[in-house]
Amino acid sequence: MPLQNRVTPFGDILAISQRGMFTGNRGIIHDPATKTLLKKRWASKALLVCTCDYKGRRRMVMGGRSWTELFFLDEAVALAAGHRPCFLCRRAAAGAFRAAWAAAVGTKAPSAANLDAGVVHQERMRHGRKLIHAISGPPSELPDGAVIAVSGSAFAIVGGAGVPLDRTRL
């Protein structure tokens, strides 16, 4: 039976068998004895998206008390769910994320702690659900990898068109 640790673009955590391309964490949000989630959905403001393979390290999923292993279909899903690239295992992606954030808001590149503590955390979840913003232009003008929601379903923008992010593929 699959564990409840697959994250949707909306930030929900489901129990489905697919693991996806990336892992990540929100701190310790599970009971290691039962391998079930607690009521809280994050225990840290540093919500990370990490590689599934880092220096050959292997972990027992939900077996310890250091963090709760979560899985994402791909990076677009992880970012849409409010996670940011890890500065340890994904340094280049984390640097690009920080630079893009700075360019978008017109400031110098923030530290990871400032990213996590500031607006990024506020944008992640509100009342237990991912905050969703209306877009002002057509989806065809969004960059590849942007994730949009239409009638409760998530779509990744690829080549100006929406590709469904079916929950069964997460």
Protein backbone atom coordinates (compact mmCIF):
# COMPACT_ATOMS: atom_id res chain seq x y z
CA MET A 1 0.00 0.00 0.00
CA PRO A 2 1.50 3.37 -0.98
CA LEU A 3 2.38 5.92 1.66
CA GLN A 4 0.72 9.33 1.77
CA ASN A 5 3.72 11.30 0.52
CA ARG A 6 3.08 12.29 -3.11
CA VAL A 7 2.58 16.05 -3.47
CA THR A 8 0.19 17.61 -5.98
CA PRO A 9 0.60 21.06 -7.57
CA PHE A 10 -2.00 22.28 -5.08
CA GLY A 11 0.16 21.22 -2.14
CA ASP A 12 -2.06 18.27 -1.21
CA ILE A 13 -0.30 15.08 -0.11
CA LEU A 14 -1.80 11.89 -1.56
CA ALA A 15 -1.21 8.14 -1.26
CA ILE A 16 -0.47 6.91 -4.80
CA SER A 17 2.20 4.48 -5.98
CA GLN A 18 4.25 6.72 -8.31
CA ARG A 19 7.25 8.51 -6.77
CA GLY A 20 8.20 11.04 -9.42
CA MET A 21 11.48 12.70 -10.36
CA PHE A 22 12.20 14.63 -7.16
CA THR A 23 11.94 14.26 -3.43
CA GLY A 24 11.61 16.97 -0.85
CA ASN A 25 10.56 17.76 2.62
CA ARG A 26 8.56 20.05 4.85
CA GLY A 27 10.24 18.96 8.08
CA ILE A 28 8.90 16.12 10.20
CA ILE A 29 5.18 15.71 9.48
CA HIS A 30 4.78 11.97 10.01
CA ASP A 31 4.67 9.38 12.79
CA PRO A 32 7.57 6.98 12.12
CA ALA A 33 5.87 4.13 14.00
CA THR A 34 2.79 4.13 11.74
CA LYS A 35 4.29 5.90 8.68
CA THR A 36 1.21 8.12 8.57
CA LEU A 37 1.02 11.88 8.29
CA LEU A 38 0.28 14.07 11.26
CA LYS A 39 -2.34 16.83 10.99
CA LYS A 40 0.28 19.52 10.29
CA ARG A 41 1.41 19.85 6.67
CA TRP A 42 4.75 21.56 7.32
CA ALA A 43 7.10 21.85 10.28
CA SER A 44 9.62 24.19 8.69
CA LYS A 45 9.52 27.25 6.48
CA ALA A 46 12.20 25.63 4.30
CA LEU A 47 10.10 23.52 1.94
CA LEU A 48 12.68 21.90 -0.32
CA VAL A 49 12.77 19.96 -3.57
CA CYS A 50 15.77 17.65 -3.76
CA THR A 51 17.27 15.04 -6.04
CA CYS A 52 16.20 11.46 -5.39
CA ASP A 53 19.85 10.41 -5.60
CA TYR A 54 22.42 12.44 -3.70
CA LYS A 55 25.93 11.04 -3.26
CA GLY A 56 24.56 7.50 -3.15
CA ARG A 57 22.65 8.08 0.09
CA ARG A 58 19.65 5.81 0.67
CA ARG A 59 16.86 6.50 3.14
CA MET A 60 14.05 4.39 4.52
CA VAL A 61 10.99 6.38 3.52
CA MET A 62 9.14 7.68 6.60
CA GLY A 63 11.35 5.48 8.74
CA GLY A 64 13.12 8.11 10.79
CA ARG A 65 12.69 11.38 12.62
CA SER A 66 14.91 13.69 10.57
CA TRP A 67 12.36 14.66 7.89
CA THR A 68 9.35 13.32 6.01
CA GLU A 69 10.22 12.18 2.48
CA LEU A 70 7.77 13.60 -0.06
CA PHE A 71 7.77 12.98 -3.82
CA PHE A 72 6.93 15.19 -6.84
CA LEU A 73 6.11 14.23 -10.42
CA ASP A 74 8.55 16.87 -11.68
CA GLU A 75 10.00 20.26 -10.81
CA ALA A 76 6.96 22.18 -12.10
CA VAL A 77 4.77 20.31 -9.60
CA ALA A 78 7.25 20.91 -6.76
CA LEU A 79 7.47 24.64 -7.46
CA ALA A 80 3.71 24.96 -7.87
CA ALA A 81 3.27 23.23 -4.49
CA GLY A 82 5.45 25.94 -2.89
CA HIS A 83 8.79 24.17 -2.61
CA ARG A 84 12.11 25.67 -3.68
CA PRO A 85 15.27 23.92 -4.93
CA CYS A 86 17.67 22.73 -2.22
CA PHE A 87 20.97 24.61 -1.96
CA LEU A 88 22.79 21.40 -0.93
CA CYS A 89 21.87 18.83 -3.58
CA ARG A 90 20.57 21.19 -6.31
CA ARG A 91 22.85 24.21 -5.99
CA ALA A 92 22.59 25.34 -9.64
CA ALA A 93 18.78 25.11 -9.66
CA ALA A 94 18.61 26.90 -6.29
CA GLY A 95 20.84 29.69 -7.57
CA ALA A 96 18.71 30.08 -10.70
CA PHE A 97 15.55 30.15 -8.56
CA ARG A 98 17.03 32.82 -6.28
CA ALA A 99 18.15 34.93 -9.27
CA ALA A 100 14.75 34.61 -10.97
CA TRP A 101 13.02 35.58 -7.72
CA ALA A 102 15.24 38.67 -7.39
CA ALA A 103 14.63 39.67 -11.02
CA ALA A 104 10.86 39.24 -10.65
CA VAL A 105 10.62 41.47 -7.56
CA GLY A 106 13.41 43.88 -8.52
CA THR A 107 15.73 43.27 -5.56
CA LYS A 108 19.12 41.73 -4.95
CA ALA A 109 19.25 37.96 -4.63
CA PRO A 110 17.91 37.00 -1.18
CA SER A 111 19.44 34.40 1.13
CA ALA A 112 17.70 31.05 1.42
CA ALA A 113 16.53 31.99 4.93
CA ASN A 114 15.00 35.23 3.65
CA LEU A 115 13.29 33.40 0.78
CA ASP A 116 11.83 30.87 3.20
CA ALA A 117 10.77 33.31 5.92
CA GLY A 118 9.28 35.96 3.65
CA VAL A 119 6.71 36.01 0.93
CA VAL A 120 7.55 32.51 -0.32
CA HIS A 121 6.23 30.93 2.89
CA GLN A 122 3.14 33.14 2.86
CA GLU A 123 2.45 32.09 -0.73
CA ARG A 124 2.75 28.38 0.01
CA MET A 125 -0.29 27.60 2.02
CA ARG A 126 -3.21 29.50 3.40
CA HIS A 127 -5.77 27.66 5.51
CA GLY A 128 -4.14 24.32 4.59
CA ARG A 129 -4.36 24.89 0.81
CA LYS A 130 -1.95 26.32 -1.74
CA LEU A 131 -2.70 29.96 -2.53
CA ILE A 132 -3.77 30.25 -6.18
CA HIS A 133 -3.54 33.55 -8.08
CA ALA A 134 -5.55 34.66 -11.09
CA ILE A 135 -3.48 35.39 -14.20
CA SER A 136 -4.00 38.57 -16.16
CA GLY A 137 -3.10 37.33 -19.63
CA PRO A 138 -3.60 34.28 -21.81
CA PRO A 139 -1.88 31.05 -20.70
CA SER A 140 -0.09 30.93 -24.07
CA GLU A 141 2.06 33.87 -22.86
CA LEU A 142 3.25 32.03 -19.75
CA PRO A 143 6.73 30.45 -19.71
CA ASP A 144 7.24 26.71 -20.03
CA GLY A 145 6.89 25.05 -16.64
CA ALA A 146 4.31 27.47 -15.29
CA VAL A 147 1.42 25.62 -13.67
CA ILE A 148 -2.16 26.83 -13.97
CA ALA A 149 -5.40 25.61 -12.43
CA VAL A 150 -8.59 25.33 -14.44
CA SER A 151 -11.78 24.03 -12.83
CA GLY A 152 -9.82 22.26 -10.08
CA SER A 153 -7.32 20.55 -12.41
CA ALA A 154 -3.66 21.48 -12.82
CA PHE A 155 -1.90 21.99 -16.14
CA ALA A 156 1.77 22.66 -16.92
CA ILE A 157 2.45 25.12 -19.72
CA VAL A 158 4.61 23.56 -22.43
CA GLY A 159 5.11 25.38 -25.72
CA GLY A 160 2.24 27.76 -24.96
CA ALA A 161 -0.29 24.99 -24.30
CA GLY A 162 -1.54 23.33 -21.13
CA VAL A 163 -0.54 19.72 -20.43
CA PRO A 164 -2.70 18.01 -17.78
CA LEU A 165 -0.96 17.04 -14.55
CA ASP A 166 -3.21 14.07 -13.85
CA ARG A 167 -3.24 13.25 -10.12
CA THR A 168 -2.72 9.57 -10.88
CA ARG A 169 0.65 10.38 -12.49
CA LEU A 170 2.00 12.26 -9.48
